[in-house]
Each structure stands twice: as structure tokens, then as C-alpha cells.
Amino acid sequence: MSRLLIFTLLMAWSLPLHSHEPFPLIHLRVRVHLMQSNMNQRLQTTLTEMEARAIFEEVNDIWSQAGIRFELEAVDSLQALDLAPKKWFIKDRNWVKSAIPTNQFSPTAIDVCFVKDMGPNGFFYGEPVVVCETPEFHKVSGGADNPVARVTAHELGHVLFLQHRQERTNLMASGKNGVSLNPQEIKDARKRALEILGQTPQP
């Protein structure tokens, strides 16, 4: 057996089981808004800046499988607009979104708002991303330990044009804590991330 063959075999055996060729890293900027409200306690998050930054470290751990990293442009406090209490016929997400002023949104970053409590765990249908700090979810094997980080990563998936999926362990499954992405989702998310940056995705 040649030395070259022996060296090749030893290198293959020494690789981690889940090793793969790394993607060129794509950086997307994010501005985090910690919502505050004097009138509606449901809107006032208890998260601190340190906790928000720790959440995004976990978000980036999840998204590392796609070679995408979310860089924090800033973490600030954002005072909610004074709204009347929500009526039963108004969807929670519509009421919450109407309470968020847009004058502090970033012109160069994805805006993410954290609130204390709301019906959905999070939502994104045009800026901003909104995340509840007390999400309800079902645990799955290999899922995220921090449900708030998982919800944030899930909603950022929607920013990258990913849709809900039925697979329980998938990041885009609703109401679970799964974190996996399939190859097509990774390809689609990276394509959209480059478009956000104004770059032409490679075919």
C-alpha cells in the first residue's frame, strides 16, 4: 500500500462524522429592538441586551449549517405606541404589529422586535420580525435548548423566503424546537441572503 493511500485513509478517518465542505460565510445585519410599554404589559419584554446578544449567538449556531451569520448592528429599547386593549376579533399579531413604531427601524439591517407575550410565538409578514419571549412549543429529538433563539431563527428563515414544513425536526416546522435544514432550504436561504445584500447568487 502506497504512502499516499495510507495518508489519504488516515485523513478520512480523522474527519468528523458530520464534516462537510464549509460554505463561504454570508453576513446579514440585524437591529434588535427590546419593546417597552407603559400601557400594555404584554408588549414590554423583560429581556436584557446581554440576553438578546446571547440569543443571537444561539441563532448563529443554528444558521451555521447554512453558512449564514446574523451580525448585531445595535440592540436598543423601543417604546410601543399607546393602543387601546386588543379586541377579541383582532388577530394578536396585527395588534402587536400596529403598536410598533417604524421610525427607529434600520435602513441597512433586518429589524427584530422582542415582546413579552402574544398569541403566535413569532411572526414575519414584512418588517419587523417579532418574537415572543414566552413561546409555547413541543420538544423534538436534537432540538434547540433555548426556545426563544429557535423561534428567532425560525422567523429569520421566513425573512429568507423559507416556508413552513411538516418534518418535526426541521427549523421551519411550526410549534416545535427542531433546527435542521435540508439542502434545498440551505440553497434557497443563501440565495435570498445574497439578494438582500445586493449580490448575484451563483447558479
N, C-alpha and C. Protein backbone atom coordinates (compact mmCIF):
# COMPACT_ATOMS: atom_id res chain seq x y z
N MET A 1 0.86 -1.20 0.00
CA MET A 1 0.00 0.00 0.00
C MET A 1 0.89 1.25 0.00
N SER A 2 0.63 2.17 -0.89
CA SER A 2 1.48 3.35 -1.02
C SER A 2 1.30 4.28 0.17
N ARG A 3 2.32 5.10 0.40
CA ARG A 3 2.24 6.09 1.49
C ARG A 3 1.11 7.09 1.25
N LEU A 4 0.90 7.47 -0.02
CA LEU A 4 -0.16 8.43 -0.34
C LEU A 4 -1.53 7.87 0.01
N LEU A 5 -1.76 6.59 -0.29
CA LEU A 5 -3.04 5.96 0.02
C LEU A 5 -3.25 5.86 1.52
N ILE A 6 -2.18 5.49 2.23
CA ILE A 6 -2.27 5.38 3.69
C ILE A 6 -2.61 6.74 4.30
N PHE A 7 -1.93 7.80 3.80
CA PHE A 7 -2.18 9.15 4.31
C PHE A 7 -3.62 9.57 4.04
N THR A 8 -4.12 9.26 2.84
CA THR A 8 -5.50 9.62 2.48
C THR A 8 -6.50 8.94 3.39
N LEU A 9 -6.28 7.64 3.66
CA LEU A 9 -7.19 6.89 4.53
C LEU A 9 -7.17 7.45 5.95
N LEU A 10 -5.96 7.78 6.44
CA LEU A 10 -5.86 8.32 7.79
C LEU A 10 -6.58 9.66 7.89
N MET A 11 -6.46 10.50 6.87
CA MET A 11 -7.14 11.78 6.88
C MET A 11 -8.65 11.61 6.86
N ALA A 12 -9.15 10.65 6.09
CA ALA A 12 -10.59 10.39 6.03
C ALA A 12 -11.11 9.91 7.37
N TRP A 13 -10.35 9.02 8.03
CA TRP A 13 -10.80 8.51 9.32
C TRP A 13 -10.79 9.60 10.40
N SER A 14 -9.92 10.60 10.24
CA SER A 14 -9.80 11.63 11.27
C SER A 14 -10.85 12.72 11.14
N LEU A 15 -11.60 12.76 10.01
CA LEU A 15 -12.60 13.78 9.82
C LEU A 15 -13.80 13.54 10.72
N PRO A 16 -14.43 14.58 11.23
CA PRO A 16 -15.67 14.40 12.00
C PRO A 16 -16.74 13.73 11.14
N LEU A 17 -17.61 12.99 11.79
CA LEU A 17 -18.66 12.26 11.07
C LEU A 17 -19.54 13.19 10.26
N HIS A 18 -19.78 14.41 10.76
CA HIS A 18 -20.69 15.32 10.08
C HIS A 18 -19.95 16.42 9.33
N SER A 19 -18.67 16.19 9.05
CA SER A 19 -17.92 17.24 8.37
C SER A 19 -18.41 17.40 6.94
N HIS A 20 -18.39 18.63 6.46
CA HIS A 20 -18.75 18.90 5.08
C HIS A 20 -17.96 20.13 4.64
N GLU A 21 -17.87 20.32 3.36
CA GLU A 21 -17.15 21.48 2.86
C GLU A 21 -17.89 22.74 3.31
N PRO A 22 -17.19 23.65 4.03
CA PRO A 22 -17.88 24.84 4.56
C PRO A 22 -18.32 25.77 3.44
N PHE A 23 -19.43 26.44 3.69
CA PHE A 23 -19.91 27.45 2.75
C PHE A 23 -19.13 28.75 2.99
N PRO A 24 -18.94 29.55 1.96
CA PRO A 24 -18.46 30.91 2.21
C PRO A 24 -19.48 31.63 3.10
N LEU A 25 -19.01 32.22 4.17
CA LEU A 25 -19.91 32.79 5.16
C LEU A 25 -20.58 34.06 4.62
N ILE A 26 -21.90 34.12 4.79
CA ILE A 26 -22.69 35.29 4.40
C ILE A 26 -23.10 36.02 5.69
N HIS A 27 -22.82 37.32 5.76
CA HIS A 27 -23.14 38.11 6.95
C HIS A 27 -24.35 39.00 6.66
N LEU A 28 -25.38 38.90 7.49
CA LEU A 28 -26.55 39.76 7.40
C LEU A 28 -26.66 40.59 8.68
N ARG A 29 -26.92 41.88 8.53
CA ARG A 29 -27.01 42.76 9.68
C ARG A 29 -28.43 42.74 10.28
N VAL A 30 -28.47 42.82 11.61
CA VAL A 30 -29.74 42.80 12.35
C VAL A 30 -29.71 43.92 13.39
N ARG A 31 -30.85 44.60 13.54
CA ARG A 31 -31.02 45.52 14.66
C ARG A 31 -32.11 44.97 15.56
N VAL A 32 -31.81 44.81 16.83
CA VAL A 32 -32.75 44.26 17.80
C VAL A 32 -33.40 45.39 18.58
N HIS A 33 -34.72 45.30 18.71
CA HIS A 33 -35.50 46.27 19.48
C HIS A 33 -36.15 45.55 20.66
N LEU A 34 -35.83 45.96 21.88
CA LEU A 34 -36.46 45.42 23.08
C LEU A 34 -37.68 46.31 23.38
N MET A 35 -38.86 45.77 23.13
CA MET A 35 -40.08 46.59 23.21
C MET A 35 -40.40 46.97 24.66
N GLN A 36 -40.84 48.21 24.83
CA GLN A 36 -41.25 48.75 26.12
C GLN A 36 -42.65 49.33 25.98
N SER A 37 -43.44 49.25 27.06
CA SER A 37 -44.79 49.81 27.03
C SER A 37 -45.26 50.12 28.44
N ASN A 38 -45.79 51.33 28.62
CA ASN A 38 -46.35 51.72 29.91
C ASN A 38 -47.80 51.27 30.06
N MET A 39 -48.48 51.05 28.93
CA MET A 39 -49.91 50.74 28.97
C MET A 39 -50.21 49.26 28.81
N ASN A 40 -49.41 48.55 28.05
CA ASN A 40 -49.69 47.15 27.74
C ASN A 40 -48.50 46.28 28.14
N GLN A 41 -48.63 45.64 29.29
CA GLN A 41 -47.52 44.84 29.80
C GLN A 41 -47.17 43.67 28.89
N ARG A 42 -48.11 43.24 28.09
CA ARG A 42 -47.83 42.14 27.17
C ARG A 42 -46.76 42.53 26.15
N LEU A 43 -46.67 43.82 25.88
CA LEU A 43 -45.71 44.28 24.88
C LEU A 43 -44.31 44.52 25.45
N GLN A 44 -44.20 44.63 26.77
CA GLN A 44 -42.92 45.01 27.38
C GLN A 44 -42.08 43.79 27.68
N THR A 45 -41.00 43.62 26.93
CA THR A 45 -40.13 42.48 27.15
C THR A 45 -39.34 42.63 28.44
N THR A 46 -38.98 41.51 29.02
CA THR A 46 -38.10 41.53 30.19
C THR A 46 -36.66 41.18 29.80
N LEU A 47 -36.44 40.91 28.53
CA LEU A 47 -35.09 40.55 28.07
C LEU A 47 -34.15 41.75 28.18
N THR A 48 -32.91 41.46 28.55
CA THR A 48 -31.87 42.49 28.61
C THR A 48 -31.04 42.45 27.33
N GLU A 49 -30.22 43.46 27.13
CA GLU A 49 -29.34 43.48 25.97
C GLU A 49 -28.41 42.27 25.99
N MET A 50 -27.89 41.93 27.16
CA MET A 50 -26.99 40.78 27.25
C MET A 50 -27.71 39.50 26.83
N GLU A 51 -28.96 39.35 27.27
CA GLU A 51 -29.73 38.16 26.91
C GLU A 51 -30.03 38.13 25.41
N ALA A 52 -30.32 39.30 24.83
CA ALA A 52 -30.59 39.37 23.40
C ALA A 52 -29.35 38.96 22.61
N ARG A 53 -28.19 39.42 23.04
CA ARG A 53 -26.95 39.05 22.35
C ARG A 53 -26.68 37.56 22.48
N ALA A 54 -26.98 36.98 23.65
CA ALA A 54 -26.80 35.54 23.85
C ALA A 54 -27.76 34.75 22.96
N ILE A 55 -28.98 35.25 22.80
CA ILE A 55 -29.95 34.60 21.92
C ILE A 55 -29.40 34.54 20.50
N PHE A 56 -28.78 35.62 20.04
CA PHE A 56 -28.27 35.62 18.67
C PHE A 56 -27.03 34.76 18.50
N GLU A 57 -26.30 34.52 19.56
CA GLU A 57 -25.22 33.54 19.44
C GLU A 57 -25.80 32.16 19.15
N GLU A 58 -26.91 31.84 19.80
CA GLU A 58 -27.56 30.55 19.54
C GLU A 58 -28.22 30.54 18.16
N VAL A 59 -28.80 31.66 17.76
CA VAL A 59 -29.35 31.77 16.40
C VAL A 59 -28.26 31.47 15.38
N ASN A 60 -27.09 32.03 15.60
CA ASN A 60 -25.99 31.82 14.66
C ASN A 60 -25.47 30.39 14.69
N ASP A 61 -25.55 29.74 15.84
CA ASP A 61 -25.20 28.32 15.90
C ASP A 61 -26.14 27.52 15.00
N ILE A 62 -27.42 27.84 15.05
CA ILE A 62 -28.41 27.14 14.23
C ILE A 62 -28.16 27.39 12.74
N TRP A 63 -27.92 28.65 12.39
CA TRP A 63 -27.77 29.02 10.99
C TRP A 63 -26.39 28.73 10.42
N SER A 64 -25.46 28.29 11.28
CA SER A 64 -24.12 27.96 10.79
C SER A 64 -24.17 26.82 9.78
N GLN A 65 -25.19 25.95 9.87
CA GLN A 65 -25.32 24.84 8.91
C GLN A 65 -25.53 25.35 7.49
N ALA A 66 -25.98 26.59 7.35
CA ALA A 66 -26.19 27.19 6.03
C ALA A 66 -25.12 28.22 5.69
N GLY A 67 -24.16 28.41 6.58
CA GLY A 67 -23.13 29.39 6.33
C GLY A 67 -23.65 30.81 6.34
N ILE A 68 -24.65 31.08 7.20
CA ILE A 68 -25.23 32.42 7.32
C ILE A 68 -25.06 32.88 8.77
N ARG A 69 -24.59 34.11 8.93
CA ARG A 69 -24.40 34.68 10.27
C ARG A 69 -25.10 36.03 10.35
N PHE A 70 -25.84 36.23 11.44
CA PHE A 70 -26.56 37.47 11.67
C PHE A 70 -25.76 38.34 12.65
N GLU A 71 -25.29 39.47 12.16
CA GLU A 71 -24.46 40.37 12.95
C GLU A 71 -25.32 41.48 13.54
N LEU A 72 -25.18 41.71 14.84
CA LEU A 72 -26.00 42.72 15.51
C LEU A 72 -25.44 44.12 15.23
N GLU A 73 -26.23 44.92 14.55
CA GLU A 73 -25.90 46.31 14.29
C GLU A 73 -26.07 47.13 15.57
N ALA A 74 -27.13 46.81 16.33
CA ALA A 74 -27.41 47.50 17.58
C ALA A 74 -28.50 46.74 18.33
N VAL A 75 -28.55 46.96 19.65
CA VAL A 75 -29.66 46.49 20.49
C VAL A 75 -30.18 47.72 21.22
N ASP A 76 -31.46 48.07 20.99
CA ASP A 76 -32.00 49.27 21.62
C ASP A 76 -33.35 48.98 22.25
N SER A 77 -33.84 49.95 23.02
CA SER A 77 -35.19 49.89 23.58
C SER A 77 -36.11 50.70 22.68
N LEU A 78 -37.30 50.15 22.43
CA LEU A 78 -38.25 50.81 21.54
C LEU A 78 -39.59 50.93 22.25
N GLN A 79 -40.04 52.16 22.45
CA GLN A 79 -41.30 52.41 23.14
C GLN A 79 -42.48 52.13 22.22
N ALA A 80 -43.36 51.25 22.66
CA ALA A 80 -44.54 50.92 21.86
C ALA A 80 -45.50 52.10 21.81
N LEU A 81 -46.27 52.16 20.76
CA LEU A 81 -47.33 53.16 20.66
C LEU A 81 -48.43 52.81 21.66
N ASP A 82 -49.10 53.82 22.18
CA ASP A 82 -50.20 53.60 23.12
C ASP A 82 -51.45 53.18 22.36
N LEU A 83 -51.83 51.92 22.53
CA LEU A 83 -53.01 51.39 21.86
C LEU A 83 -54.08 51.04 22.87
N ALA A 84 -55.31 51.03 22.42
CA ALA A 84 -56.39 50.51 23.25
C ALA A 84 -56.19 49.00 23.41
N PRO A 85 -56.71 48.41 24.49
CA PRO A 85 -56.59 46.96 24.65
C PRO A 85 -57.12 46.22 23.42
N LYS A 86 -56.54 45.10 23.14
CA LYS A 86 -56.90 44.35 21.94
C LYS A 86 -58.34 43.84 22.02
N LYS A 87 -59.08 44.02 20.95
CA LYS A 87 -60.43 43.47 20.83
C LYS A 87 -60.34 42.00 20.43
N TRP A 88 -61.34 41.23 20.80
CA TRP A 88 -61.30 39.78 20.57
C TRP A 88 -61.23 39.43 19.09
N PHE A 89 -61.78 40.27 18.25
CA PHE A 89 -61.83 39.95 16.82
C PHE A 89 -60.58 40.39 16.06
N ILE A 90 -59.64 41.04 16.74
CA ILE A 90 -58.39 41.46 16.10
C ILE A 90 -57.32 40.41 16.35
N LYS A 91 -56.66 39.98 15.31
CA LYS A 91 -55.59 39.00 15.48
C LYS A 91 -54.46 39.59 16.31
N ASP A 92 -53.93 38.76 17.20
CA ASP A 92 -52.87 39.21 18.09
C ASP A 92 -51.71 39.83 17.31
N ARG A 93 -51.30 39.16 16.24
CA ARG A 93 -50.13 39.65 15.50
C ARG A 93 -50.39 41.02 14.86
N ASN A 94 -51.63 41.24 14.42
CA ASN A 94 -51.97 42.55 13.83
C ASN A 94 -51.95 43.65 14.89
N TRP A 95 -52.47 43.32 16.08
CA TRP A 95 -52.47 44.28 17.18
C TRP A 95 -51.05 44.62 17.61
N VAL A 96 -50.22 43.58 17.75
CA VAL A 96 -48.82 43.81 18.16
C VAL A 96 -48.09 44.64 17.12
N LYS A 97 -48.25 44.26 15.86
CA LYS A 97 -47.51 45.00 14.81
C LYS A 97 -47.94 46.46 14.75
N SER A 98 -49.22 46.73 14.99
CA SER A 98 -49.69 48.12 14.93
C SER A 98 -49.13 48.96 16.08
N ALA A 99 -48.62 48.29 17.13
CA ALA A 99 -48.07 49.01 18.28
C ALA A 99 -46.59 49.33 18.12
N ILE A 100 -45.98 48.84 17.06
CA ILE A 100 -44.53 49.01 16.87
C ILE A 100 -44.26 50.19 15.94
N PRO A 101 -43.63 51.24 16.45
CA PRO A 101 -43.29 52.37 15.57
C PRO A 101 -42.15 51.99 14.62
N THR A 102 -42.18 52.57 13.46
CA THR A 102 -41.18 52.21 12.45
C THR A 102 -40.07 53.24 12.31
N ASN A 103 -40.14 54.31 13.09
CA ASN A 103 -39.17 55.40 12.89
C ASN A 103 -37.77 55.06 13.36
N GLN A 104 -37.63 53.97 14.14
CA GLN A 104 -36.29 53.56 14.57
C GLN A 104 -35.80 52.32 13.82
N PHE A 105 -36.51 51.94 12.79
CA PHE A 105 -36.06 50.80 12.01
C PHE A 105 -34.78 51.15 11.26
N SER A 106 -33.97 50.15 11.06
CA SER A 106 -32.69 50.36 10.39
C SER A 106 -32.87 50.36 8.89
N PRO A 107 -32.20 51.29 8.19
CA PRO A 107 -32.25 51.26 6.72
C PRO A 107 -31.32 50.22 6.12
N THR A 108 -30.46 49.63 6.96
CA THR A 108 -29.43 48.72 6.44
C THR A 108 -29.45 47.34 7.09
N ALA A 109 -30.45 47.06 7.92
CA ALA A 109 -30.45 45.80 8.65
C ALA A 109 -31.86 45.24 8.76
N ILE A 110 -31.95 43.98 9.14
CA ILE A 110 -33.22 43.32 9.43
C ILE A 110 -33.63 43.70 10.85
N ASP A 111 -34.83 44.21 11.03
CA ASP A 111 -35.30 44.61 12.35
C ASP A 111 -36.01 43.46 13.05
N VAL A 112 -35.61 43.21 14.31
CA VAL A 112 -36.19 42.14 15.12
C VAL A 112 -36.67 42.73 16.44
N CYS A 113 -37.95 42.57 16.74
CA CYS A 113 -38.53 43.10 17.98
C CYS A 113 -38.89 41.95 18.92
N PHE A 114 -38.55 42.10 20.19
CA PHE A 114 -38.94 41.13 21.21
C PHE A 114 -40.04 41.72 22.08
N VAL A 115 -41.12 40.94 22.29
CA VAL A 115 -42.22 41.35 23.17
C VAL A 115 -42.39 40.29 24.25
N LYS A 116 -43.12 40.65 25.29
CA LYS A 116 -43.32 39.74 26.43
C LYS A 116 -44.23 38.57 26.08
N ASP A 117 -45.40 38.86 25.50
CA ASP A 117 -46.41 37.82 25.34
C ASP A 117 -47.31 38.15 24.15
N MET A 118 -47.60 37.13 23.36
CA MET A 118 -48.58 37.28 22.28
C MET A 118 -49.02 35.90 21.82
N GLY A 119 -50.07 35.86 21.02
CA GLY A 119 -50.64 34.59 20.58
C GLY A 119 -49.66 33.71 19.84
N PRO A 120 -49.14 34.15 18.67
CA PRO A 120 -48.15 33.32 17.99
C PRO A 120 -46.80 33.45 18.70
N ASN A 121 -45.94 32.43 18.52
CA ASN A 121 -44.58 32.50 19.08
C ASN A 121 -43.76 33.60 18.41
N GLY A 122 -44.08 33.86 17.16
CA GLY A 122 -43.38 34.89 16.41
C GLY A 122 -44.06 35.06 15.07
N PHE A 123 -43.71 36.11 14.37
CA PHE A 123 -44.26 36.29 13.03
C PHE A 123 -43.36 37.19 12.20
N PHE A 124 -43.49 37.06 10.90
CA PHE A 124 -42.86 37.96 9.95
C PHE A 124 -43.73 38.00 8.71
N TYR A 125 -44.33 39.15 8.47
CA TYR A 125 -45.02 39.36 7.20
C TYR A 125 -44.75 40.79 6.78
N GLY A 126 -43.48 41.02 6.44
CA GLY A 126 -42.97 42.36 6.24
C GLY A 126 -42.41 42.86 7.55
N GLU A 127 -41.40 43.70 7.48
CA GLU A 127 -40.70 44.10 8.70
C GLU A 127 -41.65 44.68 9.75
N PRO A 128 -41.34 44.42 11.03
CA PRO A 128 -40.19 43.69 11.54
C PRO A 128 -40.48 42.22 11.77
N VAL A 129 -39.43 41.46 12.09
CA VAL A 129 -39.61 40.16 12.74
C VAL A 129 -40.05 40.44 14.17
N VAL A 130 -41.05 39.73 14.67
CA VAL A 130 -41.49 39.90 16.06
C VAL A 130 -41.43 38.54 16.74
N VAL A 131 -40.83 38.51 17.93
CA VAL A 131 -40.64 37.26 18.67
C VAL A 131 -41.16 37.41 20.08
N CYS A 132 -41.91 36.41 20.52
CA CYS A 132 -42.44 36.36 21.89
C CYS A 132 -41.39 35.72 22.80
N GLU A 133 -41.17 36.31 23.98
CA GLU A 133 -40.16 35.76 24.88
C GLU A 133 -40.67 34.57 25.69
N THR A 134 -41.96 34.23 25.55
CA THR A 134 -42.52 33.08 26.28
C THR A 134 -43.22 32.15 25.29
N PRO A 135 -42.48 31.56 24.34
CA PRO A 135 -43.12 30.74 23.32
C PRO A 135 -43.60 29.40 23.86
N GLU A 136 -44.63 28.86 23.21
CA GLU A 136 -45.11 27.52 23.51
C GLU A 136 -44.65 26.59 22.39
N PHE A 137 -44.13 25.43 22.76
CA PHE A 137 -43.56 24.54 21.74
C PHE A 137 -43.53 23.11 22.25
N HIS A 138 -43.34 22.18 21.32
CA HIS A 138 -43.15 20.77 21.64
C HIS A 138 -41.71 20.39 21.34
N LYS A 139 -41.09 19.68 22.27
CA LYS A 139 -39.70 19.28 22.09
C LYS A 139 -39.58 18.12 21.12
N VAL A 140 -38.52 18.16 20.31
CA VAL A 140 -38.19 17.06 19.41
C VAL A 140 -36.74 16.67 19.63
N SER A 141 -36.38 15.48 19.20
CA SER A 141 -35.01 14.99 19.37
C SER A 141 -34.03 15.90 18.64
N GLY A 142 -32.98 16.29 19.34
CA GLY A 142 -31.96 17.13 18.74
C GLY A 142 -32.35 18.58 18.58
N GLY A 143 -33.45 18.98 19.23
CA GLY A 143 -33.93 20.34 19.08
C GLY A 143 -33.15 21.35 19.90
N ALA A 144 -33.48 22.62 19.72
CA ALA A 144 -32.80 23.72 20.41
C ALA A 144 -33.15 23.73 21.89
N ASP A 145 -32.18 24.08 22.73
CA ASP A 145 -32.42 24.19 24.17
C ASP A 145 -33.12 25.50 24.51
N ASN A 146 -32.83 26.56 23.77
CA ASN A 146 -33.42 27.87 24.04
C ASN A 146 -34.55 28.12 23.06
N PRO A 147 -35.81 28.05 23.52
CA PRO A 147 -36.94 28.20 22.58
C PRO A 147 -37.02 29.58 21.95
N VAL A 148 -36.57 30.63 22.65
CA VAL A 148 -36.63 31.98 22.08
C VAL A 148 -35.65 32.11 20.92
N ALA A 149 -34.46 31.52 21.08
CA ALA A 149 -33.48 31.53 19.99
C ALA A 149 -34.00 30.75 18.80
N ARG A 150 -34.68 29.63 19.08
CA ARG A 150 -35.21 28.82 17.98
C ARG A 150 -36.30 29.58 17.23
N VAL A 151 -37.21 30.22 17.95
CA VAL A 151 -38.27 31.00 17.29
C VAL A 151 -37.65 32.11 16.46
N THR A 152 -36.64 32.78 17.00
CA THR A 152 -35.96 33.85 16.26
C THR A 152 -35.35 33.30 14.97
N ALA A 153 -34.66 32.17 15.08
CA ALA A 153 -34.05 31.55 13.91
C ALA A 153 -35.10 31.13 12.89
N HIS A 154 -36.24 30.63 13.37
CA HIS A 154 -37.35 30.22 12.51
C HIS A 154 -37.90 31.42 11.73
N GLU A 155 -38.15 32.53 12.44
CA GLU A 155 -38.71 33.71 11.76
C GLU A 155 -37.71 34.32 10.78
N LEU A 156 -36.43 34.26 11.10
CA LEU A 156 -35.43 34.71 10.14
C LEU A 156 -35.41 33.81 8.91
N GLY A 157 -35.81 32.56 9.10
CA GLY A 157 -35.99 31.68 7.94
C GLY A 157 -37.06 32.21 7.01
N HIS A 158 -38.13 32.76 7.56
CA HIS A 158 -39.17 33.38 6.73
C HIS A 158 -38.64 34.61 6.00
N VAL A 159 -37.78 35.38 6.68
CA VAL A 159 -37.15 36.53 6.02
C VAL A 159 -36.39 36.05 4.78
N LEU A 160 -35.80 34.86 4.89
CA LEU A 160 -35.04 34.29 3.79
C LEU A 160 -35.92 33.46 2.86
N PHE A 161 -37.21 33.70 2.91
CA PHE A 161 -38.21 33.12 1.99
C PHE A 161 -38.45 31.63 2.20
N LEU A 162 -38.07 31.06 3.34
CA LEU A 162 -38.37 29.66 3.62
C LEU A 162 -39.81 29.54 4.13
N GLN A 163 -40.47 28.45 3.76
CA GLN A 163 -41.86 28.21 4.14
C GLN A 163 -41.94 27.17 5.25
N HIS A 164 -43.11 27.07 5.89
CA HIS A 164 -43.32 26.06 6.91
C HIS A 164 -43.20 24.66 6.32
N ARG A 165 -42.72 23.74 7.15
CA ARG A 165 -42.58 22.34 6.74
C ARG A 165 -43.22 21.44 7.79
N GLN A 166 -43.50 20.21 7.40
CA GLN A 166 -44.16 19.28 8.30
C GLN A 166 -43.17 18.44 9.12
N GLU A 167 -41.94 18.29 8.63
CA GLU A 167 -40.96 17.48 9.37
C GLU A 167 -40.75 18.05 10.76
N ARG A 168 -40.94 17.24 11.78
CA ARG A 168 -40.91 17.71 13.17
C ARG A 168 -39.57 18.30 13.58
N THR A 169 -38.48 17.75 13.03
CA THR A 169 -37.16 18.20 13.46
C THR A 169 -36.63 19.36 12.62
N ASN A 170 -37.42 19.84 11.66
CA ASN A 170 -36.99 20.91 10.78
C ASN A 170 -37.14 22.28 11.46
N LEU A 171 -36.23 23.19 11.15
CA LEU A 171 -36.30 24.54 11.71
C LEU A 171 -37.60 25.23 11.34
N MET A 172 -38.15 24.91 10.18
CA MET A 172 -39.33 25.60 9.70
C MET A 172 -40.64 24.90 10.08
N ALA A 173 -40.58 23.90 10.93
CA ALA A 173 -41.79 23.29 11.47
C ALA A 173 -42.39 24.21 12.53
N SER A 174 -43.70 24.35 12.55
CA SER A 174 -44.37 25.24 13.50
C SER A 174 -44.52 24.57 14.86
N GLY A 175 -44.32 25.34 15.93
CA GLY A 175 -44.60 24.87 17.27
C GLY A 175 -43.68 23.78 17.78
N LYS A 176 -42.53 23.60 17.15
CA LYS A 176 -41.54 22.61 17.59
C LYS A 176 -40.25 23.34 17.94
N ASN A 177 -39.24 22.57 18.35
CA ASN A 177 -37.94 23.20 18.61
C ASN A 177 -36.84 22.61 17.74
N GLY A 178 -37.23 22.00 16.61
CA GLY A 178 -36.25 21.44 15.69
C GLY A 178 -35.41 22.52 15.02
N VAL A 179 -34.23 22.13 14.55
CA VAL A 179 -33.30 23.12 14.00
C VAL A 179 -32.72 22.72 12.64
N SER A 180 -33.08 21.58 12.09
CA SER A 180 -32.43 21.10 10.88
C SER A 180 -32.96 21.83 9.64
N LEU A 181 -32.10 21.93 8.64
CA LEU A 181 -32.46 22.45 7.32
C LEU A 181 -32.02 21.44 6.27
N ASN A 182 -32.84 21.25 5.24
CA ASN A 182 -32.44 20.32 4.19
C ASN A 182 -31.61 21.07 3.14
N PRO A 183 -30.94 20.35 2.25
CA PRO A 183 -30.06 21.01 1.27
C PRO A 183 -30.76 22.05 0.42
N GLN A 184 -32.01 21.80 0.03
CA GLN A 184 -32.72 22.79 -0.79
C GLN A 184 -33.00 24.06 0.00
N GLU A 185 -33.36 23.92 1.27
CA GLU A 185 -33.62 25.09 2.11
C GLU A 185 -32.34 25.91 2.28
N ILE A 186 -31.22 25.21 2.47
CA ILE A 186 -29.95 25.91 2.60
C ILE A 186 -29.63 26.68 1.33
N LYS A 187 -29.83 26.05 0.20
CA LYS A 187 -29.58 26.71 -1.09
C LYS A 187 -30.48 27.93 -1.26
N ASP A 188 -31.77 27.76 -0.96
CA ASP A 188 -32.73 28.86 -1.12
C ASP A 188 -32.43 30.01 -0.16
N ALA A 189 -32.08 29.67 1.09
CA ALA A 189 -31.80 30.71 2.10
C ALA A 189 -30.55 31.50 1.71
N ARG A 190 -29.54 30.81 1.25
CA ARG A 190 -28.31 31.50 0.84
C ARG A 190 -28.56 32.41 -0.37
N LYS A 191 -29.38 31.92 -1.29
CA LYS A 191 -29.71 32.72 -2.48
C LYS A 191 -30.40 34.02 -2.05
N ARG A 192 -31.38 33.90 -1.16
CA ARG A 192 -32.10 35.09 -0.71
C ARG A 192 -31.19 36.02 0.10
N ALA A 193 -30.31 35.44 0.93
CA ALA A 193 -29.40 36.26 1.72
C ALA A 193 -28.50 37.11 0.81
N LEU A 194 -28.02 36.52 -0.26
CA LEU A 194 -27.18 37.27 -1.20
C LEU A 194 -27.99 38.36 -1.91
N GLU A 195 -29.26 38.05 -2.21
CA GLU A 195 -30.13 39.06 -2.82
C GLU A 195 -30.34 40.24 -1.89
N ILE A 196 -30.51 39.97 -0.59
CA ILE A 196 -30.66 41.04 0.39
C ILE A 196 -29.43 41.94 0.40
N LEU A 197 -28.27 41.33 0.20
CA LEU A 197 -27.01 42.08 0.18
C LEU A 197 -26.76 42.76 -1.16
N GLY A 198 -27.67 42.53 -2.11
CA GLY A 198 -27.49 43.12 -3.43
C GLY A 198 -26.48 42.41 -4.29
N GLN A 199 -26.22 41.14 -3.94
CA GLN A 199 -25.26 40.35 -4.70
C GLN A 199 -25.99 39.34 -5.58
N THR A 200 -25.36 38.96 -6.67
CA THR A 200 -25.95 37.99 -7.59
C THR A 200 -25.58 36.59 -7.13
N PRO A 201 -26.57 35.75 -6.78
CA PRO A 201 -26.26 34.39 -6.35
C PRO A 201 -25.61 33.60 -7.50
N GLN A 202 -24.71 32.69 -7.12
CA GLN A 202 -24.11 31.81 -8.12
C GLN A 202 -25.13 30.78 -8.56
N PRO A 203 -25.18 30.42 -9.85
CA PRO A 203 -26.13 29.43 -10.34
C PRO A 203 -25.83 28.06 -9.77
